[in-house]
Amino acid sequence: MIEKAFLDTNLFVYVYTDGDKEKHNTVSQLMGNMLIDSEIYISTQVLNEFYVSLAKYKRTHEEITGFINEITQAANVRAVSLPIVEQALRLKGKYGYSLWDSLILASALESGCALLFSEDLQHNQIIEGSLRIRNPFVNVE
């Protein structure tokens, strides 16, 4: 069975930068495996955050645009809609994450994902009984 998985912005930043070779290699391998075994989901928020993050690495607009085109060819992109914002506000109140992280959670839930890969959230936490957070840099379950 193909699993739906949502990816947080920071993972794409590691793939398209070489500041942390170990994280770059870990995420590149994870994404390679996911292209075979999973449906990858992201939100428009992830694309926006990715652009801003890579601009801080002094990547050109053309480079970043090319990277975004690669990402959108491999991932299902969900727009952050008003219902997602409303869900994020509810999740923020319930779980205490930042609004930005809650928007990621709400987008993953709206997409029907079973997994959310992020290093910023609590590893193995289950959100709303259906979405498990996985930190790809944690080696123990």
Protein backbone atom coordinates (compact mmCIF):
# COMPACT_ATOMS: atom_id res chain seq x y z
CA MET A 1 0.00 0.00 0.00
CA ILE A 2 1.29 3.45 -0.90
CA GLU A 3 1.37 5.75 2.09
CA LYS A 4 0.64 9.46 1.94
CA ALA A 5 3.37 11.54 3.57
CA PHE A 6 3.68 15.27 4.09
CA LEU A 7 7.12 16.91 4.10
CA ASP A 8 8.05 20.04 6.04
CA THR A 9 10.07 22.82 4.49
CA ASN A 10 13.34 22.16 6.29
CA LEU A 11 13.73 18.79 4.58
CA PHE A 12 13.74 20.40 1.14
CA VAL A 13 16.23 23.00 2.36
CA TYR A 14 18.63 20.20 3.37
CA VAL A 15 18.29 18.57 -0.05
CA TYR A 16 19.01 21.77 -1.97
CA THR A 17 21.84 23.06 0.22
CA ASP A 18 25.05 21.43 1.36
CA GLY A 19 25.59 23.09 4.73
CA ASP A 20 24.91 19.88 6.67
CA LYS A 21 26.13 16.91 4.64
CA GLU A 22 24.75 14.28 7.03
CA LYS A 23 21.24 15.76 6.98
CA HIS A 24 21.48 16.31 3.23
CA ASN A 25 22.32 12.62 2.72
CA THR A 26 19.64 11.39 5.15
CA VAL A 27 16.87 13.43 3.55
CA SER A 28 18.01 12.69 -0.01
CA GLN A 29 17.84 8.97 0.74
CA LEU A 30 14.45 9.34 2.46
CA MET A 31 13.01 11.26 -0.49
CA GLY A 32 14.41 8.77 -2.97
CA ASN A 33 12.67 5.95 -1.11
CA MET A 34 9.47 7.97 -0.83
CA LEU A 35 9.31 8.52 -4.58
CA ILE A 36 8.97 4.73 -4.87
CA ASP A 37 6.84 3.89 -1.82
CA SER A 38 4.79 6.98 -1.00
CA GLU A 39 2.70 9.83 -2.28
CA ILE A 40 4.46 13.05 -1.26
CA TYR A 41 2.38 16.05 -0.20
CA ILE A 42 3.36 19.63 0.54
CA SER A 43 1.51 22.92 0.82
CA THR A 44 1.92 26.29 -0.80
CA GLN A 45 3.28 27.41 2.58
CA VAL A 46 6.16 24.94 2.18
CA LEU A 47 7.00 26.39 -1.24
CA ASN A 48 6.94 29.95 0.12
CA GLU A 49 9.11 29.09 3.11
CA PHE A 50 11.48 27.15 0.85
CA TYR A 51 11.94 30.17 -1.42
CA VAL A 52 12.71 32.48 1.51
CA SER A 53 15.10 29.95 3.09
CA LEU A 54 17.10 29.40 -0.08
CA ALA A 55 17.29 33.13 -0.74
CA LYS A 56 19.10 33.40 2.61
CA TYR A 57 21.66 30.95 1.19
CA LYS A 58 22.20 33.47 -1.64
CA ARG A 59 20.63 31.23 -4.26
CA THR A 60 19.38 33.14 -7.29
CA HIS A 61 15.73 33.54 -8.18
CA GLU A 62 16.29 31.38 -11.25
CA GLU A 63 17.92 28.58 -9.21
CA ILE A 64 15.15 28.59 -6.63
CA THR A 65 12.46 28.65 -9.31
CA GLY A 66 14.08 25.61 -10.92
CA PHE A 67 14.19 23.81 -7.57
CA ILE A 68 10.52 24.61 -6.95
CA ASN A 69 9.65 23.22 -10.38
CA GLU A 70 11.48 19.98 -9.46
CA ILE A 71 9.64 19.76 -6.14
CA THR A 72 6.23 20.37 -7.66
CA GLN A 73 6.85 17.63 -10.24
CA ALA A 74 7.43 15.12 -7.42
CA ALA A 75 4.87 16.28 -4.85
CA ASN A 76 1.17 16.92 -4.61
CA VAL A 77 0.76 20.60 -3.69
CA ARG A 78 -2.15 21.73 -1.53
CA ALA A 79 -3.17 25.36 -1.27
CA VAL A 80 -3.54 26.82 2.20
CA SER A 81 -7.25 27.59 2.19
CA LEU A 82 -9.52 29.21 4.75
CA PRO A 83 -10.66 25.82 6.12
CA ILE A 84 -6.99 24.87 6.62
CA VAL A 85 -6.36 28.15 8.47
CA GLU A 86 -9.40 27.49 10.67
CA GLN A 87 -8.19 23.94 11.37
CA ALA A 88 -4.70 25.28 12.14
CA LEU A 89 -6.10 27.70 14.70
CA ARG A 90 -7.94 24.85 16.39
CA LEU A 91 -4.82 22.65 16.33
CA LYS A 92 -2.69 25.47 17.72
CA GLY A 93 -5.03 25.78 20.68
CA LYS A 94 -5.12 22.02 21.23
CA TYR A 95 -1.45 21.09 20.73
CA GLY A 96 0.38 24.35 21.43
CA TYR A 97 2.47 24.46 18.27
CA SER A 98 3.18 27.74 16.48
CA LEU A 99 0.68 28.94 13.90
CA TRP A 100 3.14 28.08 11.11
CA ASP A 101 3.61 24.53 12.40
CA SER A 102 -0.14 24.21 12.95
CA LEU A 103 -0.71 25.19 9.31
CA ILE A 104 1.63 22.35 8.29
CA LEU A 105 -0.31 19.94 10.53
CA ALA A 106 -3.67 21.11 9.15
CA SER A 107 -2.44 20.80 5.55
CA ALA A 108 -1.17 17.27 6.20
CA LEU A 109 -4.46 16.26 7.81
CA GLU A 110 -6.49 17.82 4.98
CA SER A 111 -4.39 15.85 2.49
CA GLY A 112 -5.16 12.58 4.29
CA CYS A 113 -1.53 11.93 5.15
CA ALA A 114 -0.58 9.28 7.70
CA LEU A 115 2.94 10.67 8.19
CA LEU A 116 4.45 14.12 8.56
CA PHE A 117 8.23 14.33 8.28
CA SER A 118 9.66 17.28 10.21
CA GLU A 119 12.50 17.91 12.59
CA ASP A 120 10.61 20.76 14.25
CA LEU A 121 7.76 18.83 15.87
CA GLN A 122 7.54 16.13 18.54
CA HIS A 123 8.82 12.83 17.10
CA ASN A 124 6.20 10.05 17.06
CA GLN A 125 3.40 12.29 18.30
CA ILE A 126 0.05 11.38 16.79
CA ILE A 127 -2.16 14.30 15.82
CA GLU A 128 -5.93 13.88 15.74
CA GLY A 129 -5.59 10.11 15.92
CA SER A 130 -4.35 9.78 12.34
CA LEU A 131 -1.17 11.77 11.60
CA ARG A 132 2.16 10.55 13.01
CA ILE A 133 5.06 12.99 13.18
CA ARG A 134 8.42 11.52 12.22
CA ASN A 135 11.77 13.24 12.66
CA PRO A 136 13.98 11.63 9.98
CA PHE A 137 17.07 12.36 12.05
CA VAL A 138 15.92 10.31 15.06
CA ASN A 139 17.19 6.75 14.76
CA VAL A 140 15.14 5.18 17.55
CA GLU A 141 11.42 4.54 17.55
